[in-house]
All heavy atoms as atom14 arrays in JSON, in Angstrom:
{
  "sequence": "EQSALWAKQILAEPSRSTDERLDQMYRTAYARLPDEQERAAATAFLE",
  "atom14_mask": [
    [1, 1, 1, 1, 1, 1, 1, 1, 1, 0, 0, 0, 0, 0],
    [1, 1, 1, 1, 1, 1, 1, 1, 1, 0, 0, 0, 0, 0],
    [1, 1, 1, 1, 1, 1, 0, 0, 0, 0, 0, 0, 0, 0],
    [1, 1, 1, 1, 1, 0, 0, 0, 0, 0, 0, 0, 0, 0],
    [1, 1, 1, 1, 1, 1, 1, 1, 0, 0, 0, 0, 0, 0],
    [1, 1, 1, 1, 1, 1, 1, 1, 1, 1, 1, 1, 1, 1],
    [1, 1, 1, 1, 1, 0, 0, 0, 0, 0, 0, 0, 0, 0],
    [1, 1, 1, 1, 1, 1, 1, 1, 1, 0, 0, 0, 0, 0],
    [1, 1, 1, 1, 1, 1, 1, 1, 1, 0, 0, 0, 0, 0],
    [1, 1, 1, 1, 1, 1, 1, 1, 0, 0, 0, 0, 0, 0],
    [1, 1, 1, 1, 1, 1, 1, 1, 0, 0, 0, 0, 0, 0],
    [1, 1, 1, 1, 1, 0, 0, 0, 0, 0, 0, 0, 0, 0],
    [1, 1, 1, 1, 1, 1, 1, 1, 1, 0, 0, 0, 0, 0],
    [1, 1, 1, 1, 1, 1, 1, 0, 0, 0, 0, 0, 0, 0],
    [1, 1, 1, 1, 1, 1, 0, 0, 0, 0, 0, 0, 0, 0],
    [1, 1, 1, 1, 1, 1, 1, 1, 1, 1, 1, 0, 0, 0],
    [1, 1, 1, 1, 1, 1, 0, 0, 0, 0, 0, 0, 0, 0],
    [1, 1, 1, 1, 1, 1, 1, 0, 0, 0, 0, 0, 0, 0],
    [1, 1, 1, 1, 1, 1, 1, 1, 0, 0, 0, 0, 0, 0],
    [1, 1, 1, 1, 1, 1, 1, 1, 1, 0, 0, 0, 0, 0],
    [1, 1, 1, 1, 1, 1, 1, 1, 1, 1, 1, 0, 0, 0],
    [1, 1, 1, 1, 1, 1, 1, 1, 0, 0, 0, 0, 0, 0],
    [1, 1, 1, 1, 1, 1, 1, 1, 0, 0, 0, 0, 0, 0],
    [1, 1, 1, 1, 1, 1, 1, 1, 1, 0, 0, 0, 0, 0],
    [1, 1, 1, 1, 1, 1, 1, 1, 0, 0, 0, 0, 0, 0],
    [1, 1, 1, 1, 1, 1, 1, 1, 1, 1, 1, 1, 0, 0],
    [1, 1, 1, 1, 1, 1, 1, 1, 1, 1, 1, 0, 0, 0],
    [1, 1, 1, 1, 1, 1, 1, 0, 0, 0, 0, 0, 0, 0],
    [1, 1, 1, 1, 1, 0, 0, 0, 0, 0, 0, 0, 0, 0],
    [1, 1, 1, 1, 1, 1, 1, 1, 1, 1, 1, 1, 0, 0],
    [1, 1, 1, 1, 1, 0, 0, 0, 0, 0, 0, 0, 0, 0],
    [1, 1, 1, 1, 1, 1, 1, 1, 1, 1, 1, 0, 0, 0],
    [1, 1, 1, 1, 1, 1, 1, 1, 0, 0, 0, 0, 0, 0],
    [1, 1, 1, 1, 1, 1, 1, 0, 0, 0, 0, 0, 0, 0],
    [1, 1, 1, 1, 1, 1, 1, 1, 0, 0, 0, 0, 0, 0],
    [1, 1, 1, 1, 1, 1, 1, 1, 1, 0, 0, 0, 0, 0],
    [1, 1, 1, 1, 1, 1, 1, 1, 1, 0, 0, 0, 0, 0],
    [1, 1, 1, 1, 1, 1, 1, 1, 1, 0, 0, 0, 0, 0],
    [1, 1, 1, 1, 1, 1, 1, 1, 1, 1, 1, 0, 0, 0],
    [1, 1, 1, 1, 1, 0, 0, 0, 0, 0, 0, 0, 0, 0],
    [1, 1, 1, 1, 1, 0, 0, 0, 0, 0, 0, 0, 0, 0],
    [1, 1, 1, 1, 1, 0, 0, 0, 0, 0, 0, 0, 0, 0],
    [1, 1, 1, 1, 1, 1, 1, 0, 0, 0, 0, 0, 0, 0],
    [1, 1, 1, 1, 1, 0, 0, 0, 0, 0, 0, 0, 0, 0],
    [1, 1, 1, 1, 1, 1, 1, 1, 1, 1, 1, 0, 0, 0],
    [1, 1, 1, 1, 1, 1, 1, 1, 0, 0, 0, 0, 0, 0],
    [1, 1, 1, 1, 1, 1, 1, 1, 1, 0, 0, 0, 0, 0]
  ],
  "atom14_positions": [
    [[0.83, -1.21, 0.0], [0.0, 0.0, 0.0], [0.86, 1.26, 0.0], [0.58, 2.21, -0.73], [-0.91, -0.01, 1.23], [-1.8, 1.2, 1.35], [-2.63, 1.19, 2.63], [-2.77, 0.13, 3.26], [-3.12, 2.27, 2.99], [0.0, 0.0, 0.0], [0.0, 0.0, 0.0], [0.0, 0.0, 0.0], [0.0, 0.0, 0.0], [0.0, 0.0, 0.0]],
    [[1.91, 1.26, 0.8], [2.8, 2.41, 0.85], [3.53, 2.61, -0.48], [3.76, 3.74, -0.9], [3.8, 2.28, 2.01], [3.16, 2.33, 3.38], [2.31, 3.58, 3.58], [2.76, 4.7, 3.43], [1.04, 3.36, 3.9], [0.0, 0.0, 0.0], [0.0, 0.0, 0.0], [0.0, 0.0, 0.0], [0.0, 0.0, 0.0], [0.0, 0.0, 0.0]],
    [[3.87, 1.51, -1.13], [4.51, 1.6, -2.45], [3.57, 2.27, -3.45], [3.99, 3.13, -4.23], [4.89, 0.2, -2.95], [5.81, -0.41, -2.08], [0.0, 0.0, 0.0], [0.0, 0.0, 0.0], [0.0, 0.0, 0.0], [0.0, 0.0, 0.0], [0.0, 0.0, 0.0], [0.0, 0.0, 0.0], [0.0, 0.0, 0.0], [0.0, 0.0, 0.0]],
    [[2.3, 1.88, -3.42], [1.32, 2.47, -4.33], [1.11, 3.95, -4.02], [1.02, 4.78, -4.95], [0.0, 1.71, -4.23], [0.0, 0.0, 0.0], [0.0, 0.0, 0.0], [0.0, 0.0, 0.0], [0.0, 0.0, 0.0], [0.0, 0.0, 0.0], [0.0, 0.0, 0.0], [0.0, 0.0, 0.0], [0.0, 0.0, 0.0], [0.0, 0.0, 0.0]],
    [[1.06, 4.3, -2.75], [0.88, 5.72, -2.38], [2.08, 6.55, -2.8], [1.93, 7.69, -3.26], [0.66, 5.83, -0.87], [-0.68, 5.31, -0.35], [-0.69, 5.3, 1.18], [-1.82, 6.15, -0.9], [0.0, 0.0, 0.0], [0.0, 0.0, 0.0], [0.0, 0.0, 0.0], [0.0, 0.0, 0.0], [0.0, 0.0, 0.0], [0.0, 0.0, 0.0]],
    [[3.28, 5.98, -2.64], [4.49, 6.7, -3.04], [4.49, 6.91, -4.55], [4.82, 7.99, -5.03], [5.72, 5.92, -2.58], [7.01, 6.66, -2.65], [7.19, 8.0, -2.8], [8.3, 6.09, -2.55], [8.53, 8.3, -2.8], [9.23, 7.15, -2.66], [8.77, 4.8, -2.38], [10.61, 6.93, -2.6], [10.14, 4.6, -2.33], [11.05, 5.66, -2.43]],
    [[4.1, 5.9, -5.32], [4.04, 6.03, -6.77], [3.05, 7.13, -7.17], [3.35, 7.97, -8.03], [3.65, 4.71, -7.41], [0.0, 0.0, 0.0], [0.0, 0.0, 0.0], [0.0, 0.0, 0.0], [0.0, 0.0, 0.0], [0.0, 0.0, 0.0], [0.0, 0.0, 0.0], [0.0, 0.0, 0.0], [0.0, 0.0, 0.0], [0.0, 0.0, 0.0]],
    [[1.89, 7.15, -6.54], [0.9, 8.19, -6.84], [1.48, 9.58, -6.55], [1.28, 10.52, -7.32], [-0.36, 7.99, -6.0], [-1.24, 6.86, -6.46], [-2.46, 6.75, -5.53], [-3.15, 5.45, -5.64], [-4.08, 5.29, -6.69], [0.0, 0.0, 0.0], [0.0, 0.0, 0.0], [0.0, 0.0, 0.0], [0.0, 0.0, 0.0], [0.0, 0.0, 0.0]],
    [[2.19, 9.69, -5.45], [2.79, 10.97, -5.08], [3.83, 11.4, -6.12], [3.87, 12.56, -6.53], [3.44, 10.86, -3.7], [4.11, 12.12, -3.24], [4.88, 11.92, -1.95], [5.18, 10.8, -1.55], [5.2, 13.0, -1.29], [0.0, 0.0, 0.0], [0.0, 0.0, 0.0], [0.0, 0.0, 0.0], [0.0, 0.0, 0.0], [0.0, 0.0, 0.0]],
    [[4.66, 10.46, -6.54], [5.72, 10.77, -7.52], [5.12, 11.16, -8.87], [5.65, 12.02, -9.57], [6.66, 9.55, -7.66], [7.51, 9.37, -6.39], [7.55, 9.64, -8.89], [8.46, 10.52, -6.09], [0.0, 0.0, 0.0], [0.0, 0.0, 0.0], [0.0, 0.0, 0.0], [0.0, 0.0, 0.0], [0.0, 0.0, 0.0], [0.0, 0.0, 0.0]],
    [[4.0, 10.55, -9.22], [3.38, 10.82, -10.52], [2.39, 11.98, -10.5], [1.85, 12.34, -11.55], [2.67, 9.55, -11.01], [3.59, 8.37, -11.29], [2.77, 7.12, -11.58], [4.55, 8.68, -12.44], [0.0, 0.0, 0.0], [0.0, 0.0, 0.0], [0.0, 0.0, 0.0], [0.0, 0.0, 0.0], [0.0, 0.0, 0.0], [0.0, 0.0, 0.0]],
    [[2.17, 12.57, -9.34], [1.14, 13.61, -9.19], [1.4, 14.83, -10.06], [0.47, 15.48, -10.52], [1.01, 14.02, -7.73], [0.0, 0.0, 0.0], [0.0, 0.0, 0.0], [0.0, 0.0, 0.0], [0.0, 0.0, 0.0], [0.0, 0.0, 0.0], [0.0, 0.0, 0.0], [0.0, 0.0, 0.0], [0.0, 0.0, 0.0], [0.0, 0.0, 0.0]],
    [[2.65, 15.16, -10.28], [2.98, 16.33, -11.1], [3.35, 15.86, -12.51], [4.43, 15.32, -12.73], [4.15, 17.1, -10.48], [4.38, 18.43, -11.12], [5.46, 19.21, -10.42], [5.51, 19.2, -9.19], [6.27, 19.83, -11.14], [0.0, 0.0, 0.0], [0.0, 0.0, 0.0], [0.0, 0.0, 0.0], [0.0, 0.0, 0.0], [0.0, 0.0, 0.0]],
    [[2.45, 16.02, -13.47], [2.67, 15.45, -14.81], [3.83, 16.07, -15.58], [4.33, 15.45, -16.51], [1.34, 15.71, -15.53], [0.63, 16.73, -14.75], [1.17, 16.69, -13.35], [0.0, 0.0, 0.0], [0.0, 0.0, 0.0], [0.0, 0.0, 0.0], [0.0, 0.0, 0.0], [0.0, 0.0, 0.0], [0.0, 0.0, 0.0], [0.0, 0.0, 0.0]],
    [[4.28, 17.25, -15.2], [5.35, 17.89, -15.97], [6.75, 17.36, -15.63], [7.71, 17.66, -16.34], [5.31, 19.41, -15.74], [5.57, 19.69, -14.37], [0.0, 0.0, 0.0], [0.0, 0.0, 0.0], [0.0, 0.0, 0.0], [0.0, 0.0, 0.0], [0.0, 0.0, 0.0], [0.0, 0.0, 0.0], [0.0, 0.0, 0.0], [0.0, 0.0, 0.0]],
    [[6.87, 16.56, -14.59], [8.19, 16.03, -14.22], [8.66, 14.97, -15.21], [7.88, 14.17, -15.71], [8.15, 15.38, -12.84], [8.22, 16.33, -11.72], [8.34, 15.56, -10.43], [8.58, 16.48, -9.34], [8.62, 16.11, -8.09], [8.45, 14.85, -7.76], [8.84, 16.99, -7.15], [0.0, 0.0, 0.0], [0.0, 0.0, 0.0], [0.0, 0.0, 0.0]],
    [[9.96, 14.96, -15.43], [10.56, 13.94, -16.3], [10.82, 12.67, -15.48], [10.77, 12.69, -14.24], [11.88, 14.45, -16.88], [12.86, 14.54, -15.85], [0.0, 0.0, 0.0], [0.0, 0.0, 0.0], [0.0, 0.0, 0.0], [0.0, 0.0, 0.0], [0.0, 0.0, 0.0], [0.0, 0.0, 0.0], [0.0, 0.0, 0.0], [0.0, 0.0, 0.0]],
    [[11.13, 11.6, -16.17], [11.47, 10.35, -15.5], [12.68, 10.56, -14.6], [12.7, 10.1, -13.46], [11.75, 9.24, -16.53], [10.54, 8.99, -17.26], [12.21, 7.96, -15.86], [0.0, 0.0, 0.0], [0.0, 0.0, 0.0], [0.0, 0.0, 0.0], [0.0, 0.0, 0.0], [0.0, 0.0, 0.0], [0.0, 0.0, 0.0], [0.0, 0.0, 0.0]],
    [[13.7, 11.25, -15.1], [14.9, 11.5, -14.28], [14.57, 12.31, -13.04], [15.1, 12.03, -11.95], [15.98, 12.22, -15.11], [16.7, 11.28, -16.05], [16.64, 10.04, -15.86], [17.36, 11.78, -16.99], [0.0, 0.0, 0.0], [0.0, 0.0, 0.0], [0.0, 0.0, 0.0], [0.0, 0.0, 0.0], [0.0, 0.0, 0.0], [0.0, 0.0, 0.0]],
    [[13.71, 13.3, -13.15], [13.32, 14.09, -11.98], [12.57, 13.23, -10.96], [12.77, 13.37, -9.76], [12.45, 15.27, -12.4], [13.21, 16.34, -13.15], [12.31, 17.41, -13.76], [11.17, 17.08, -14.16], [12.75, 18.57, -13.84], [0.0, 0.0, 0.0], [0.0, 0.0, 0.0], [0.0, 0.0, 0.0], [0.0, 0.0, 0.0], [0.0, 0.0, 0.0]],
    [[11.74, 12.34, -11.46], [11.02, 11.43, -10.55], [11.99, 10.48, -9.85], [11.87, 10.23, -8.65], [9.97, 10.65, -11.32], [8.8, 11.49, -11.75], [7.7, 10.63, -12.39], [6.6, 11.48, -12.74], [6.39, 11.98, -13.95], [7.19, 11.65, -14.94], [5.37, 12.77, -14.18], [0.0, 0.0, 0.0], [0.0, 0.0, 0.0], [0.0, 0.0, 0.0]],
    [[12.93, 9.93, -10.6], [13.93, 9.04, -10.0], [14.76, 9.78, -8.96], [15.04, 9.25, -7.88], [14.83, 8.43, -11.07], [14.16, 7.42, -12.0], [15.12, 7.02, -13.12], [13.7, 6.2, -11.23], [0.0, 0.0, 0.0], [0.0, 0.0, 0.0], [0.0, 0.0, 0.0], [0.0, 0.0, 0.0], [0.0, 0.0, 0.0], [0.0, 0.0, 0.0]],
    [[15.16, 11.01, -9.28], [15.91, 11.81, -8.31], [15.12, 11.99, -7.02], [15.67, 11.83, -5.92], [16.25, 13.19, -8.89], [17.33, 13.15, -9.95], [17.97, 12.09, -10.14], [17.51, 14.19, -10.62], [0.0, 0.0, 0.0], [0.0, 0.0, 0.0], [0.0, 0.0, 0.0], [0.0, 0.0, 0.0], [0.0, 0.0, 0.0], [0.0, 0.0, 0.0]],
    [[13.84, 12.3, -7.14], [13.0, 12.5, -5.96], [12.87, 11.21, -5.15], [12.94, 11.23, -3.91], [11.61, 13.01, -6.37], [10.71, 13.29, -5.18], [11.26, 14.36, -4.27], [11.81, 15.35, -4.73], [11.1, 14.19, -2.98], [0.0, 0.0, 0.0], [0.0, 0.0, 0.0], [0.0, 0.0, 0.0], [0.0, 0.0, 0.0], [0.0, 0.0, 0.0]],
    [[12.71, 10.1, -5.82], [12.57, 8.83, -5.1], [13.85, 8.48, -4.35], [13.81, 8.07, -3.19], [12.19, 7.7, -6.05], [10.76, 7.83, -6.58], [10.27, 6.46, -7.63], [9.62, 5.35, -6.36], [0.0, 0.0, 0.0], [0.0, 0.0, 0.0], [0.0, 0.0, 0.0], [0.0, 0.0, 0.0], [0.0, 0.0, 0.0], [0.0, 0.0, 0.0]],
    [[14.99, 8.64, -5.0], [16.26, 8.34, -4.34], [16.55, 9.31, -3.2], [17.06, 8.91, -2.16], [17.41, 8.31, -5.36], [17.61, 6.96, -5.98], [16.75, 6.5, -6.97], [18.63, 6.12, -5.57], [16.91, 5.25, -7.54], [18.8, 4.87, -6.13], [17.94, 4.44, -7.11], [18.1, 3.18, -7.65], [0.0, 0.0, 0.0], [0.0, 0.0, 0.0]],
    [[16.21, 10.58, -3.38], [16.4, 11.54, -2.29], [15.53, 11.15, -1.09], [15.96, 11.23, 0.05], [16.07, 12.96, -2.74], [17.25, 13.7, -3.32], [16.99, 15.2, -3.4], [15.83, 15.53, -4.2], [15.83, 15.81, -5.49], [16.95, 15.8, -6.15], [14.73, 16.11, -6.13], [0.0, 0.0, 0.0], [0.0, 0.0, 0.0], [0.0, 0.0, 0.0]],
    [[14.3, 10.77, -1.36], [13.38, 10.4, -0.29], [13.83, 9.12, 0.41], [13.82, 9.05, 1.64], [11.96, 10.21, -0.85], [11.55, 11.43, -1.46], [10.97, 9.84, 0.24], [0.0, 0.0, 0.0], [0.0, 0.0, 0.0], [0.0, 0.0, 0.0], [0.0, 0.0, 0.0], [0.0, 0.0, 0.0], [0.0, 0.0, 0.0], [0.0, 0.0, 0.0]],
    [[14.21, 8.11, -0.36], [14.56, 6.81, 0.22], [15.95, 6.79, 0.84], [16.14, 6.2, 1.91], [14.46, 5.72, -0.84], [0.0, 0.0, 0.0], [0.0, 0.0, 0.0], [0.0, 0.0, 0.0], [0.0, 0.0, 0.0], [0.0, 0.0, 0.0], [0.0, 0.0, 0.0], [0.0, 0.0, 0.0], [0.0, 0.0, 0.0], [0.0, 0.0, 0.0]],
    [[16.91, 7.4, 0.16], [18.31, 7.23, 0.56], [19.05, 8.54, 0.87], [20.24, 8.51, 1.16], [19.08, 6.5, -0.55], [18.41, 5.23, -1.0], [18.24, 4.98, -2.36], [17.95, 4.27, -0.11], [17.63, 3.81, -2.8], [17.35, 3.11, -0.54], [17.19, 2.88, -1.89], [16.59, 1.73, -2.32], [0.0, 0.0, 0.0], [0.0, 0.0, 0.0]],
    [[18.36, 9.67, 0.76], [18.96, 10.98, 1.03], [20.14, 11.27, 0.11], [21.13, 11.87, 0.51], [19.38, 11.11, 2.5], [0.0, 0.0, 0.0], [0.0, 0.0, 0.0], [0.0, 0.0, 0.0], [0.0, 0.0, 0.0], [0.0, 0.0, 0.0], [0.0, 0.0, 0.0], [0.0, 0.0, 0.0], [0.0, 0.0, 0.0], [0.0, 0.0, 0.0]],
    [[20.01, 10.81, -1.13], [21.04, 11.06, -2.14], [20.42, 10.86, -3.52], [19.34, 10.32, -3.65], [22.22, 10.12, -1.96], [21.87, 8.65, -2.2], [23.09, 7.75, -2.19], [22.74, 6.37, -2.41], [22.49, 5.82, -3.6], [22.55, 6.55, -4.69], [22.19, 4.54, -3.71], [0.0, 0.0, 0.0], [0.0, 0.0, 0.0], [0.0, 0.0, 0.0]],
    [[21.14, 11.3, -4.54], [20.7, 11.1, -5.91], [21.21, 9.75, -6.42], [22.22, 9.25, -5.95], [21.22, 12.22, -6.81], [20.67, 13.62, -6.52], [21.38, 14.65, -7.38], [19.18, 13.66, -6.75], [0.0, 0.0, 0.0], [0.0, 0.0, 0.0], [0.0, 0.0, 0.0], [0.0, 0.0, 0.0], [0.0, 0.0, 0.0], [0.0, 0.0, 0.0]],
    [[20.52, 9.17, -7.4], [21.03, 7.92, -7.97], [22.26, 8.2, -8.84], [22.36, 9.25, -9.47], [19.87, 7.43, -8.84], [19.12, 8.65, -9.21], [19.27, 9.58, -8.03], [0.0, 0.0, 0.0], [0.0, 0.0, 0.0], [0.0, 0.0, 0.0], [0.0, 0.0, 0.0], [0.0, 0.0, 0.0], [0.0, 0.0, 0.0], [0.0, 0.0, 0.0]],
    [[23.2, 7.25, -8.84], [24.32, 7.4, -9.77], [23.85, 6.95, -11.15], [22.72, 6.5, -11.32], [25.56, 6.65, -9.29], [25.39, 5.14, -9.19], [24.58, 4.56, -9.96], [26.07, 4.51, -8.35], [0.0, 0.0, 0.0], [0.0, 0.0, 0.0], [0.0, 0.0, 0.0], [0.0, 0.0, 0.0], [0.0, 0.0, 0.0], [0.0, 0.0, 0.0]],
    [[24.7, 7.09, -12.15], [24.29, 6.79, -13.52], [23.9, 5.32, -13.7], [22.96, 5.0, -14.42], [25.38, 7.19, -14.51], [25.53, 8.69, -14.66], [24.2, 9.39, -14.97], [23.48, 8.95, -15.88], [23.87, 10.38, -14.29], [0.0, 0.0, 0.0], [0.0, 0.0, 0.0], [0.0, 0.0, 0.0], [0.0, 0.0, 0.0], [0.0, 0.0, 0.0]],
    [[24.62, 4.42, -13.05], [24.29, 3.0, -13.15], [22.93, 2.71, -12.52], [22.12, 1.97, -13.07], [25.38, 2.17, -12.47], [25.2, 0.69, -12.63], [26.33, -0.1, -12.0], [27.15, 0.43, -11.25], [26.37, -1.38, -12.31], [0.0, 0.0, 0.0], [0.0, 0.0, 0.0], [0.0, 0.0, 0.0], [0.0, 0.0, 0.0], [0.0, 0.0, 0.0]],
    [[22.67, 3.31, -11.36], [21.37, 3.13, -10.7], [20.24, 3.73, -11.54], [19.16, 3.14, -11.64], [21.39, 3.77, -9.31], [22.26, 3.05, -8.32], [22.48, 3.84, -7.05], [22.58, 5.08, -7.12], [22.57, 3.2, -5.99], [0.0, 0.0, 0.0], [0.0, 0.0, 0.0], [0.0, 0.0, 0.0], [0.0, 0.0, 0.0], [0.0, 0.0, 0.0]],
    [[20.5, 4.88, -12.14], [19.48, 5.53, -12.97], [19.16, 4.65, -14.18], [17.99, 4.45, -14.52], [19.97, 6.91, -13.42], [18.92, 7.7, -14.17], [19.46, 9.06, -14.62], [20.03, 9.83, -13.54], [19.34, 10.53, -12.65], [18.02, 10.53, -12.7], [19.95, 11.22, -11.72], [0.0, 0.0, 0.0], [0.0, 0.0, 0.0], [0.0, 0.0, 0.0]],
    [[20.19, 4.1, -14.8], [19.98, 3.22, -15.96], [19.23, 1.96, -15.55], [18.32, 1.51, -16.26], [21.31, 2.88, -16.61], [0.0, 0.0, 0.0], [0.0, 0.0, 0.0], [0.0, 0.0, 0.0], [0.0, 0.0, 0.0], [0.0, 0.0, 0.0], [0.0, 0.0, 0.0], [0.0, 0.0, 0.0], [0.0, 0.0, 0.0], [0.0, 0.0, 0.0]],
    [[19.59, 1.39, -14.41], [18.92, 0.17, -13.94], [17.46, 0.46, -13.59], [16.57, -0.34, -13.91], [19.66, -0.4, -12.73], [0.0, 0.0, 0.0], [0.0, 0.0, 0.0], [0.0, 0.0, 0.0], [0.0, 0.0, 0.0], [0.0, 0.0, 0.0], [0.0, 0.0, 0.0], [0.0, 0.0, 0.0], [0.0, 0.0, 0.0], [0.0, 0.0, 0.0]],
    [[17.2, 1.58, -12.96], [15.82, 1.94, -12.59], [14.98, 2.19, -13.84], [13.82, 1.76, -13.92], [15.81, 3.17, -11.69], [0.0, 0.0, 0.0], [0.0, 0.0, 0.0], [0.0, 0.0, 0.0], [0.0, 0.0, 0.0], [0.0, 0.0, 0.0], [0.0, 0.0, 0.0], [0.0, 0.0, 0.0], [0.0, 0.0, 0.0], [0.0, 0.0, 0.0]],
    [[15.56, 2.85, -14.83], [14.83, 3.11, -16.07], [14.54, 1.8, -16.8], [13.42, 1.59, -17.29], [15.62, 4.07, -16.97], [15.84, 5.3, -16.25], [14.88, 4.37, -18.26], [0.0, 0.0, 0.0], [0.0, 0.0, 0.0], [0.0, 0.0, 0.0], [0.0, 0.0, 0.0], [0.0, 0.0, 0.0], [0.0, 0.0, 0.0], [0.0, 0.0, 0.0]],
    [[15.52, 0.91, -16.85], [15.31, -0.41, -17.47], [14.23, -1.18, -16.72], [13.39, -1.84, -17.34], [16.62, -1.19, -17.52], [0.0, 0.0, 0.0], [0.0, 0.0, 0.0], [0.0, 0.0, 0.0], [0.0, 0.0, 0.0], [0.0, 0.0, 0.0], [0.0, 0.0, 0.0], [0.0, 0.0, 0.0], [0.0, 0.0, 0.0], [0.0, 0.0, 0.0]],
    [[14.26, -1.11, -15.4], [13.24, -1.78, -14.59], [11.86, -1.24, -14.92], [10.9, -2.0, -15.1], [13.57, -1.58, -13.1], [12.59, -2.22, -12.17], [12.69, -3.56, -11.84], [11.56, -1.48, -11.6], [11.79, -4.16, -10.98], [10.65, -2.07, -10.74], [10.77, -3.42, -10.42], [0.0, 0.0, 0.0], [0.0, 0.0, 0.0], [0.0, 0.0, 0.0]],
    [[11.73, 0.08, -15.01], [10.45, 0.69, -15.34], [9.96, 0.26, -16.72], [8.78, -0.02, -16.91], [10.54, 2.22, -15.28], [10.64, 2.82, -13.88], [11.06, 4.28, -13.95], [9.31, 2.67, -13.13], [0.0, 0.0, 0.0], [0.0, 0.0, 0.0], [0.0, 0.0, 0.0], [0.0, 0.0, 0.0], [0.0, 0.0, 0.0], [0.0, 0.0, 0.0]],
    [[10.89, 0.19, -17.67], [10.52, -0.27, -19.02], [10.01, -1.7, -18.98], [8.98, -2.02, -19.59], [11.73, -0.16, -19.95], [12.1, 1.28, -20.27], [13.44, 1.41, -20.98], [14.17, 0.39, -21.14], [13.78, 2.54, -21.36], [0.0, 0.0, 0.0], [0.0, 0.0, 0.0], [0.0, 0.0, 0.0], [0.0, 0.0, 0.0], [0.0, 0.0, 0.0]]
  ]
}
């Protein structure tokens, strides 16, 4: 349920890019930005 709520929150602003959403999720979860490898893996996972 929390995962679904977090996704809704991340998607609430339609003008954000995928990278901006990933940055927000990593900042929220880990207090840092994703590195390039993590960003590529997360994008591949989403695909």
